[in-house]
Amino acid sequence: MDADIQTLEQILNRILHTEPADKAQAALLDKAYAGIQSAIAALEQLEAQEPQ
Protein backbone atom coordinates (compact mmCIF):
# COMPACT_ATOMS: atom_id res chain seq x y z
CA MET A 1 0.00 0.00 0.00
CA ASP A 2 2.95 2.31 0.51
CA ALA A 3 3.57 2.29 -3.24
CA ASP A 4 -0.05 3.27 -3.86
CA ILE A 5 0.21 6.15 -1.40
CA GLN A 6 3.49 7.31 -2.95
CA THR A 7 1.93 7.24 -6.42
CA LEU A 8 -1.04 9.29 -5.25
CA GLU A 9 1.29 11.77 -3.55
CA GLN A 10 3.21 12.15 -6.81
CA ILE A 11 -0.07 12.90 -8.60
CA LEU A 12 -0.91 15.50 -5.93
CA ASN A 13 2.46 17.12 -6.53
CA ARG A 14 1.78 17.27 -10.27
CA ILE A 15 -1.63 18.82 -9.65
CA LEU A 16 -0.04 21.46 -7.40
CA HIS A 17 2.40 22.38 -10.17
CA THR A 18 -0.20 22.48 -12.96
CA GLU A 19 -1.16 25.94 -14.10
CA PRO A 20 -4.87 25.84 -14.93
CA ALA A 21 -5.88 27.27 -18.29
CA ASP A 22 -9.11 28.72 -16.93
CA LYS A 23 -11.50 28.72 -13.97
CA ALA A 24 -13.17 25.50 -15.09
CA GLN A 25 -9.88 23.64 -15.19
CA ALA A 26 -8.90 25.12 -11.82
CA ALA A 27 -12.16 23.80 -10.34
CA LEU A 28 -11.50 20.34 -11.78
CA LEU A 29 -7.97 20.32 -10.41
CA ASP A 30 -9.29 21.34 -6.99
CA LYS A 31 -11.81 18.49 -7.04
CA ALA A 32 -9.17 16.01 -8.19
CA TYR A 33 -6.80 17.17 -5.47
CA ALA A 34 -9.46 16.80 -2.78
CA GLY A 35 -10.44 13.36 -4.04
CA ILE A 36 -6.87 12.12 -4.08
CA GLN A 37 -6.24 13.50 -0.58
CA SER A 38 -9.29 11.58 0.57
CA ALA A 39 -8.02 8.39 -1.08
CA ILE A 40 -4.63 8.78 0.61
CA ALA A 41 -6.29 9.24 3.99
CA ALA A 42 -8.40 6.12 3.43
CA LEU A 43 -5.37 4.06 2.42
CA GLU A 44 -3.40 5.26 5.42
CA GLN A 45 -6.32 4.35 7.67
CA LEU A 46 -6.53 0.87 6.16
CA GLU A 47 -2.79 0.46 6.48
CA ALA A 48 -2.96 1.39 10.16
CA GLN A 49 -5.62 -1.27 10.75
CA GLU A 50 -3.63 -4.08 9.13
CA PRO A 51 -2.04 -6.51 11.54
CA GLN A 52 1.71 -6.04 11.72
C-alpha atoms as a PDB file:
ATOM      1  CA  MET A   1       0.000   0.000   0.000  1.00  0.00           C
ATOM      2  CA  ASP A   2       2.946   2.313   0.510  1.00  0.00           C
ATOM      3  CA  ALA A   3       3.572   2.288  -3.244  1.00  0.00           C
ATOM      4  CA  ASP A   4      -0.051   3.272  -3.865  1.00  0.00           C
ATOM      5  CA  ILE A   5       0.214   6.145  -1.402  1.00  0.00           C
ATOM      6  CA  GLN A   6       3.487   7.308  -2.954  1.00  0.00           C
ATOM      7  CA  THR A   7       1.932   7.243  -6.424  1.00  0.00           C
ATOM      8  CA  LEU A   8      -1.041   9.292  -5.249  1.00  0.00           C
ATOM      9  CA  GLU A   9       1.291  11.769  -3.547  1.00  0.00           C
ATOM     10  CA  GLN A  10       3.206  12.152  -6.813  1.00  0.00           C
ATOM     11  CA  ILE A  11      -0.066  12.898  -8.595  1.00  0.00           C
ATOM     12  CA  LEU A  12      -0.906  15.496  -5.932  1.00  0.00           C
ATOM     13  CA  ASN A  13       2.459  17.119  -6.534  1.00  0.00           C
ATOM     14  CA  ARG A  14       1.779  17.273 -10.271  1.00  0.00           C
ATOM     15  CA  ILE A  15      -1.625  18.821  -9.648  1.00  0.00           C
ATOM     16  CA  LEU A  16      -0.036  21.456  -7.404  1.00  0.00           C
ATOM     17  CA  HIS A  17       2.399  22.381 -10.168  1.00  0.00           C
ATOM     18  CA  THR A  18      -0.197  22.480 -12.961  1.00  0.00           C
ATOM     19  CA  GLU A  19      -1.164  25.939 -14.095  1.00  0.00           C
ATOM     20  CA  PRO A  20      -4.871  25.836 -14.930  1.00  0.00           C
ATOM     21  CA  ALA A  21      -5.877  27.272 -18.287  1.00  0.00           C
ATOM     22  CA  ASP A  22      -9.109  28.717 -16.928  1.00  0.00           C
ATOM     23  CA  LYS A  23     -11.495  28.723 -13.974  1.00  0.00           C
ATOM     24  CA  ALA A  24     -13.175  25.501 -15.095  1.00  0.00           C
ATOM     25  CA  GLN A  25      -9.882  23.639 -15.192  1.00  0.00           C
ATOM     26  CA  ALA A  26      -8.904  25.117 -11.820  1.00  0.00           C
ATOM     27  CA  ALA A  27     -12.158  23.797 -10.338  1.00  0.00           C
ATOM     28  CA  LEU A  28     -11.501  20.338 -11.781  1.00  0.00           C
ATOM     29  CA  LEU A  29      -7.966  20.323 -10.409  1.00  0.00           C
ATOM     30  CA  ASP A  30      -9.290  21.344  -6.988  1.00  0.00           C
ATOM     31  CA  LYS A  31     -11.808  18.489  -7.039  1.00  0.00           C
ATOM     32  CA  ALA A  32      -9.174  16.010  -8.190  1.00  0.00           C
ATOM     33  CA  TYR A  33      -6.798  17.168  -5.468  1.00  0.00           C
ATOM     34  CA  ALA A  34      -9.460  16.799  -2.777  1.00  0.00           C
ATOM     35  CA  GLY A  35     -10.445  13.355  -4.036  1.00  0.00           C
ATOM     36  CA  ILE A  36      -6.869  12.120  -4.079  1.00  0.00           C
ATOM     37  CA  GLN A  37      -6.240  13.501  -0.582  1.00  0.00           C
ATOM     38  CA  SER A  38      -9.288  11.576   0.569  1.00  0.00           C
ATOM     39  CA  ALA A  39      -8.015   8.395  -1.081  1.00  0.00           C
ATOM     40  CA  ILE A  40      -4.627   8.782   0.608  1.00  0.00           C
ATOM     41  CA  ALA A  41      -6.287   9.241   3.992  1.00  0.00           C
ATOM     42  CA  ALA A  42      -8.399   6.124   3.432  1.00  0.00           C
ATOM     43  CA  LEU A  43      -5.366   4.059   2.415  1.00  0.00           C
ATOM     44  CA  GLU A  44      -3.404   5.261   5.424  1.00  0.00           C
ATOM     45  CA  GLN A  45      -6.317   4.350   7.670  1.00  0.00           C
ATOM     46  CA  LEU A  46      -6.533   0.868   6.156  1.00  0.00           C
ATOM     47  CA  GLU A  47      -2.787   0.458   6.485  1.00  0.00           C
ATOM     48  CA  ALA A  48      -2.956   1.386  10.165  1.00  0.00           C
ATOM     49  CA  GLN A  49      -5.624  -1.269  10.746  1.00  0.00           C
ATOM     50  CA  GLU A  50      -3.635  -4.082   9.129  1.00  0.00           C
ATOM     51  CA  PRO A  51      -2.040  -6.511  11.542  1.00  0.00           C
ATOM     52  CA  GLN A  52       1.710  -6.041  11.724  1.00  0.00           C
END
